[in-house]
């Protein structure tokens, strides 16, 4: 990747992440942007326990279906996927909680 390409990507990211000035939506195509100021104003609504319970419920249902059909491979795949997703979500929730404390 050339220096110009890197610089373009970094500049684009900065423009996207910089706080937007307060303005009224001027068209139907306008939609809320995920900016640092928007994140600060938005309270996270779902609790960690609820999110983790939803994940467990979803995987448990899929696991039970695979178990009912005797699909050992699908059961193993679901078990691994559940543990991986659980780890990802815990990391994201830790980041969310740290940003809320700021």
N, C-alpha and C. Protein backbone atom coordinates (compact mmCIF):
# COMPACT_ATOMS: atom_id res chain seq x y z
N UNK A 1 0.85 -1.16 0.00
CA UNK A 1 0.00 0.00 0.00
C UNK A 1 0.90 1.23 0.00
N UNK A 2 0.59 2.18 -0.85
CA UNK A 2 1.42 3.38 -0.96
C UNK A 2 1.13 4.34 0.18
N UNK A 3 2.05 5.28 0.38
CA UNK A 3 1.87 6.29 1.43
C UNK A 3 0.62 7.13 1.16
N UNK A 4 0.36 7.43 -0.11
CA UNK A 4 -0.81 8.22 -0.45
C UNK A 4 -2.09 7.47 -0.09
N UNK A 5 -2.12 6.17 -0.33
CA UNK A 5 -3.29 5.36 0.01
C UNK A 5 -3.51 5.32 1.52
N UNK A 6 -2.43 5.12 2.26
CA UNK A 6 -2.53 5.11 3.73
C UNK A 6 -3.04 6.45 4.24
N UNK A 7 -2.47 7.51 3.70
CA UNK A 7 -2.86 8.85 4.13
C UNK A 7 -4.34 9.10 3.82
N UNK A 8 -4.80 8.66 2.66
CA UNK A 8 -6.21 8.82 2.28
C UNK A 8 -7.11 8.06 3.25
N UNK A 9 -6.74 6.83 3.59
CA UNK A 9 -7.55 6.02 4.51
C UNK A 9 -7.59 6.66 5.89
N UNK A 10 -6.46 7.13 6.38
CA UNK A 10 -6.40 7.75 7.70
C UNK A 10 -7.21 9.04 7.72
N UNK A 11 -7.09 9.86 6.67
CA UNK A 11 -7.87 11.10 6.59
C UNK A 11 -9.37 10.81 6.54
N UNK A 12 -9.74 9.78 5.79
CA UNK A 12 -11.16 9.41 5.70
C UNK A 12 -11.68 8.97 7.06
N UNK A 13 -10.90 8.17 7.78
CA UNK A 13 -11.31 7.71 9.11
C UNK A 13 -11.45 8.90 10.06
N UNK A 14 -10.52 9.84 10.00
CA UNK A 14 -10.61 11.02 10.87
C UNK A 14 -11.88 11.82 10.59
N UNK A 15 -12.20 11.99 9.30
CA UNK A 15 -13.41 12.74 8.95
C UNK A 15 -14.66 12.02 9.47
N UNK A 16 -14.68 10.70 9.36
CA UNK A 16 -15.84 9.94 9.82
C UNK A 16 -15.99 9.96 11.33
N UNK A 17 -14.88 9.96 12.04
CA UNK A 17 -14.92 9.88 13.50
C UNK A 17 -14.96 11.23 14.18
N UNK A 18 -14.71 12.32 13.45
CA UNK A 18 -14.74 13.63 14.09
C UNK A 18 -16.18 14.01 14.37
N UNK A 19 -16.41 14.72 15.48
CA UNK A 19 -17.78 15.10 15.83
C UNK A 19 -18.40 15.97 14.74
N UNK A 20 -19.63 15.65 14.38
CA UNK A 20 -20.37 16.45 13.41
C UNK A 20 -20.90 17.70 14.12
N UNK A 21 -20.91 18.83 13.43
CA UNK A 21 -21.54 20.01 14.04
C UNK A 21 -23.04 19.73 14.21
N UNK A 22 -23.63 20.34 15.21
CA UNK A 22 -25.06 20.13 15.45
C UNK A 22 -25.82 20.77 14.30
N UNK A 23 -26.67 19.98 13.67
CA UNK A 23 -27.45 20.49 12.55
C UNK A 23 -28.74 19.69 12.44
N UNK A 24 -29.69 20.26 11.79
CA UNK A 24 -30.96 19.60 11.55
C UNK A 24 -30.84 18.68 10.34
N UNK A 25 -31.49 17.53 10.34
CA UNK A 25 -31.48 16.70 9.15
C UNK A 25 -32.12 17.45 8.00
N UNK A 26 -31.45 17.44 6.83
CA UNK A 26 -31.99 18.21 5.72
C UNK A 26 -32.58 17.35 4.61
N UNK A 27 -32.56 16.05 4.77
CA UNK A 27 -33.18 15.21 3.75
C UNK A 27 -33.56 13.87 4.35
N UNK A 28 -34.33 13.12 3.60
CA UNK A 28 -34.73 11.79 4.06
C UNK A 28 -33.54 10.85 4.10
N UNK A 29 -32.47 11.20 3.39
CA UNK A 29 -31.29 10.34 3.36
C UNK A 29 -30.39 10.54 4.57
N UNK A 30 -30.63 11.61 5.34
CA UNK A 30 -29.84 11.84 6.55
C UNK A 30 -30.18 10.80 7.59
N UNK A 31 -29.19 10.31 8.27
CA UNK A 31 -29.42 9.36 9.34
C UNK A 31 -28.39 9.62 10.43
N UNK A 32 -28.66 9.19 11.65
CA UNK A 32 -27.72 9.44 12.75
C UNK A 32 -26.37 8.79 12.47
N UNK A 33 -25.33 9.50 12.77
CA UNK A 33 -23.97 8.99 12.58
C UNK A 33 -23.43 8.50 13.92
N UNK A 34 -22.59 7.49 13.86
CA UNK A 34 -21.95 6.97 15.07
C UNK A 34 -20.67 7.77 15.28
N UNK A 35 -20.81 8.89 15.95
CA UNK A 35 -19.68 9.77 16.23
C UNK A 35 -19.39 9.72 17.71
N UNK A 36 -18.20 10.17 18.11
CA UNK A 36 -17.91 10.18 19.56
C UNK A 36 -18.94 10.96 20.37
N UNK A 37 -19.42 12.09 19.83
CA UNK A 37 -20.42 12.87 20.57
C UNK A 37 -21.75 12.11 20.66
N UNK A 38 -22.12 11.39 19.61
CA UNK A 38 -23.36 10.61 19.64
C UNK A 38 -23.24 9.47 20.64
N UNK A 39 -22.09 8.86 20.72
CA UNK A 39 -21.87 7.76 21.67
C UNK A 39 -21.99 8.28 23.10
N UNK A 40 -21.44 9.49 23.34
CA UNK A 40 -21.51 10.06 24.68
C UNK A 40 -22.94 10.37 25.09
N UNK A 41 -23.78 10.78 24.14
CA UNK A 41 -25.16 11.13 24.43
C UNK A 41 -26.06 9.91 24.58
N UNK A 42 -25.66 8.80 23.99
CA UNK A 42 -26.51 7.61 23.96
C UNK A 42 -26.20 6.71 25.14
N UNK A 43 -27.20 6.40 25.90
CA UNK A 43 -27.05 5.46 27.02
C UNK A 43 -27.25 4.06 26.48
N UNK A 44 -26.35 3.16 26.84
CA UNK A 44 -26.49 1.78 26.41
C UNK A 44 -27.66 1.16 27.17
N UNK A 45 -28.58 0.56 26.44
CA UNK A 45 -29.83 0.16 27.06
C UNK A 45 -29.86 -1.27 27.59
N UNK A 46 -29.09 -2.16 27.00
CA UNK A 46 -29.20 -3.56 27.43
C UNK A 46 -28.09 -3.91 28.41
N UNK A 47 -28.47 -4.59 29.46
CA UNK A 47 -27.51 -5.00 30.48
C UNK A 47 -26.69 -6.19 29.98
N UNK A 48 -25.49 -6.32 30.54
CA UNK A 48 -24.59 -7.42 30.19
C UNK A 48 -25.27 -8.77 30.37
N UNK A 49 -25.96 -8.96 31.47
CA UNK A 49 -26.62 -10.24 31.74
C UNK A 49 -27.66 -10.57 30.67
N UNK A 50 -28.42 -9.57 30.29
CA UNK A 50 -29.46 -9.80 29.28
C UNK A 50 -28.84 -10.19 27.93
N UNK A 51 -27.78 -9.53 27.55
CA UNK A 51 -27.12 -9.83 26.29
C UNK A 51 -26.57 -11.25 26.31
N UNK A 52 -25.91 -11.62 27.40
CA UNK A 52 -25.32 -12.95 27.49
C UNK A 52 -26.41 -14.02 27.54
N UNK A 53 -27.53 -13.74 28.21
CA UNK A 53 -28.65 -14.69 28.25
C UNK A 53 -29.25 -14.89 26.85
N UNK A 54 -29.36 -13.79 26.09
CA UNK A 54 -29.88 -13.90 24.73
C UNK A 54 -28.97 -14.76 23.86
N UNK A 55 -27.67 -14.58 24.00
CA UNK A 55 -26.70 -15.38 23.25
C UNK A 55 -26.85 -16.85 23.62
N UNK A 56 -26.92 -17.13 24.92
CA UNK A 56 -27.04 -18.51 25.37
C UNK A 56 -28.33 -19.16 24.87
N UNK A 57 -29.44 -18.43 24.94
CA UNK A 57 -30.72 -18.95 24.47
C UNK A 57 -30.67 -19.30 23.00
N UNK A 58 -30.11 -18.41 22.21
CA UNK A 58 -30.02 -18.63 20.77
C UNK A 58 -29.20 -19.89 20.45
N UNK A 59 -28.04 -20.02 21.08
CA UNK A 59 -27.20 -21.18 20.81
C UNK A 59 -27.78 -22.46 21.40
N UNK A 60 -28.43 -22.36 22.57
CA UNK A 60 -29.02 -23.55 23.17
C UNK A 60 -30.10 -24.13 22.28
N UNK A 61 -30.94 -23.26 21.69
CA UNK A 61 -31.98 -23.72 20.78
C UNK A 61 -31.39 -24.42 19.56
N UNK A 62 -30.35 -23.82 18.98
CA UNK A 62 -29.71 -24.43 17.81
C UNK A 62 -29.03 -25.74 18.19
N UNK A 63 -28.41 -25.77 19.38
CA UNK A 63 -27.74 -26.99 19.84
C UNK A 63 -28.75 -28.11 20.04
N UNK A 64 -29.89 -27.78 20.64
CA UNK A 64 -30.93 -28.79 20.86
C UNK A 64 -31.46 -29.35 19.55
N UNK A 65 -31.60 -28.49 18.52
CA UNK A 65 -32.04 -28.98 17.21
C UNK A 65 -31.01 -29.93 16.62
N UNK A 66 -29.73 -29.58 16.74
CA UNK A 66 -28.67 -30.45 16.22
C UNK A 66 -28.63 -31.76 17.00
N UNK A 67 -28.85 -31.68 18.31
CA UNK A 67 -28.85 -32.88 19.15
C UNK A 67 -30.01 -33.79 18.78
N UNK A 68 -31.18 -33.19 18.51
CA UNK A 68 -32.36 -33.98 18.14
C UNK A 68 -32.16 -34.74 16.84
N UNK A 69 -31.39 -34.17 15.93
CA UNK A 69 -31.12 -34.84 14.65
C UNK A 69 -29.88 -35.73 14.72
N UNK A 70 -29.17 -35.69 15.85
CA UNK A 70 -27.98 -36.52 16.03
C UNK A 70 -26.78 -36.03 15.23
N UNK A 71 -26.76 -34.75 14.90
CA UNK A 71 -25.67 -34.18 14.11
C UNK A 71 -24.51 -33.77 15.03
N UNK A 72 -23.59 -34.71 15.26
CA UNK A 72 -22.46 -34.48 16.16
C UNK A 72 -21.56 -33.35 15.66
N UNK A 73 -21.35 -33.30 14.36
CA UNK A 73 -20.49 -32.25 13.80
C UNK A 73 -21.08 -30.86 14.05
N UNK A 74 -22.39 -30.71 13.83
CA UNK A 74 -23.05 -29.43 14.06
C UNK A 74 -23.02 -29.07 15.55
N UNK A 75 -23.17 -30.06 16.41
CA UNK A 75 -23.11 -29.79 17.85
C UNK A 75 -21.74 -29.26 18.25
N UNK A 76 -20.69 -29.88 17.73
CA UNK A 76 -19.33 -29.42 18.03
C UNK A 76 -19.09 -28.02 17.47
N UNK A 77 -19.57 -27.77 16.26
CA UNK A 77 -19.42 -26.46 15.64
C UNK A 77 -20.14 -25.39 16.45
N UNK A 78 -21.35 -25.69 16.88
CA UNK A 78 -22.12 -24.74 17.68
C UNK A 78 -21.47 -24.48 19.03
N UNK A 79 -20.92 -25.52 19.64
CA UNK A 79 -20.25 -25.36 20.93
C UNK A 79 -19.07 -24.41 20.81
N UNK A 80 -18.25 -24.61 19.77
CA UNK A 80 -17.11 -23.73 19.56
C UNK A 80 -17.57 -22.31 19.24
N UNK A 81 -18.57 -22.18 18.36
CA UNK A 81 -19.06 -20.86 17.97
C UNK A 81 -19.63 -20.10 19.17
N UNK A 82 -20.33 -20.81 20.04
CA UNK A 82 -20.89 -20.17 21.23
C UNK A 82 -19.78 -19.61 22.11
N UNK A 83 -18.76 -20.42 22.37
CA UNK A 83 -17.66 -19.95 23.22
C UNK A 83 -16.92 -18.77 22.60
N UNK A 84 -16.74 -18.81 21.28
CA UNK A 84 -16.06 -17.71 20.57
C UNK A 84 -16.90 -16.43 20.66
N UNK A 85 -18.19 -16.54 20.37
CA UNK A 85 -19.07 -15.37 20.41
C UNK A 85 -19.18 -14.81 21.83
N UNK A 86 -19.19 -15.70 22.81
CA UNK A 86 -19.25 -15.27 24.20
C UNK A 86 -18.01 -14.43 24.54
N UNK A 87 -16.86 -14.88 24.12
CA UNK A 87 -15.63 -14.14 24.36
C UNK A 87 -15.65 -12.79 23.66
N UNK A 88 -16.06 -12.76 22.39
CA UNK A 88 -16.15 -11.50 21.65
C UNK A 88 -17.09 -10.52 22.34
N UNK A 89 -18.26 -11.01 22.74
CA UNK A 89 -19.22 -10.13 23.39
C UNK A 89 -18.71 -9.61 24.73
N UNK A 90 -18.04 -10.46 25.49
CA UNK A 90 -17.50 -10.01 26.78
C UNK A 90 -16.47 -8.91 26.57
N UNK A 91 -15.64 -9.04 25.54
CA UNK A 91 -14.65 -8.00 25.25
C UNK A 91 -15.35 -6.71 24.85
N UNK A 92 -16.34 -6.81 23.97
CA UNK A 92 -17.07 -5.61 23.55
C UNK A 92 -17.81 -4.95 24.71
N UNK A 93 -18.38 -5.76 25.57
CA UNK A 93 -19.08 -5.21 26.73
C UNK A 93 -18.11 -4.55 27.71
N UNK A 94 -16.92 -5.12 27.86
CA UNK A 94 -15.89 -4.48 28.69
C UNK A 94 -15.50 -3.12 28.12
N UNK A 95 -15.37 -3.05 26.80
CA UNK A 95 -15.04 -1.79 26.16
C UNK A 95 -16.17 -0.79 26.36
N UNK A 96 -17.41 -1.25 26.21
CA UNK A 96 -18.56 -0.37 26.40
C UNK A 96 -18.57 0.18 27.83
N UNK A 97 -18.36 -0.67 28.80
CA UNK A 97 -18.38 -0.23 30.20
C UNK A 97 -17.25 0.74 30.48
N UNK A 98 -16.07 0.50 29.91
CA UNK A 98 -14.95 1.41 30.12
C UNK A 98 -15.24 2.78 29.50
N UNK A 99 -15.87 2.77 28.32
CA UNK A 99 -16.18 4.07 27.69
C UNK A 99 -17.28 4.81 28.45
N UNK A 100 -18.19 4.09 29.07
CA UNK A 100 -19.24 4.74 29.87
C UNK A 100 -18.68 5.38 31.12
N UNK A 101 -17.60 4.84 31.66
CA UNK A 101 -17.00 5.38 32.86
C UNK A 101 -16.22 6.67 32.59
N UNK A 102 -15.85 6.91 31.35
CA UNK A 102 -15.08 8.11 30.99
C UNK A 102 -15.80 9.36 31.24
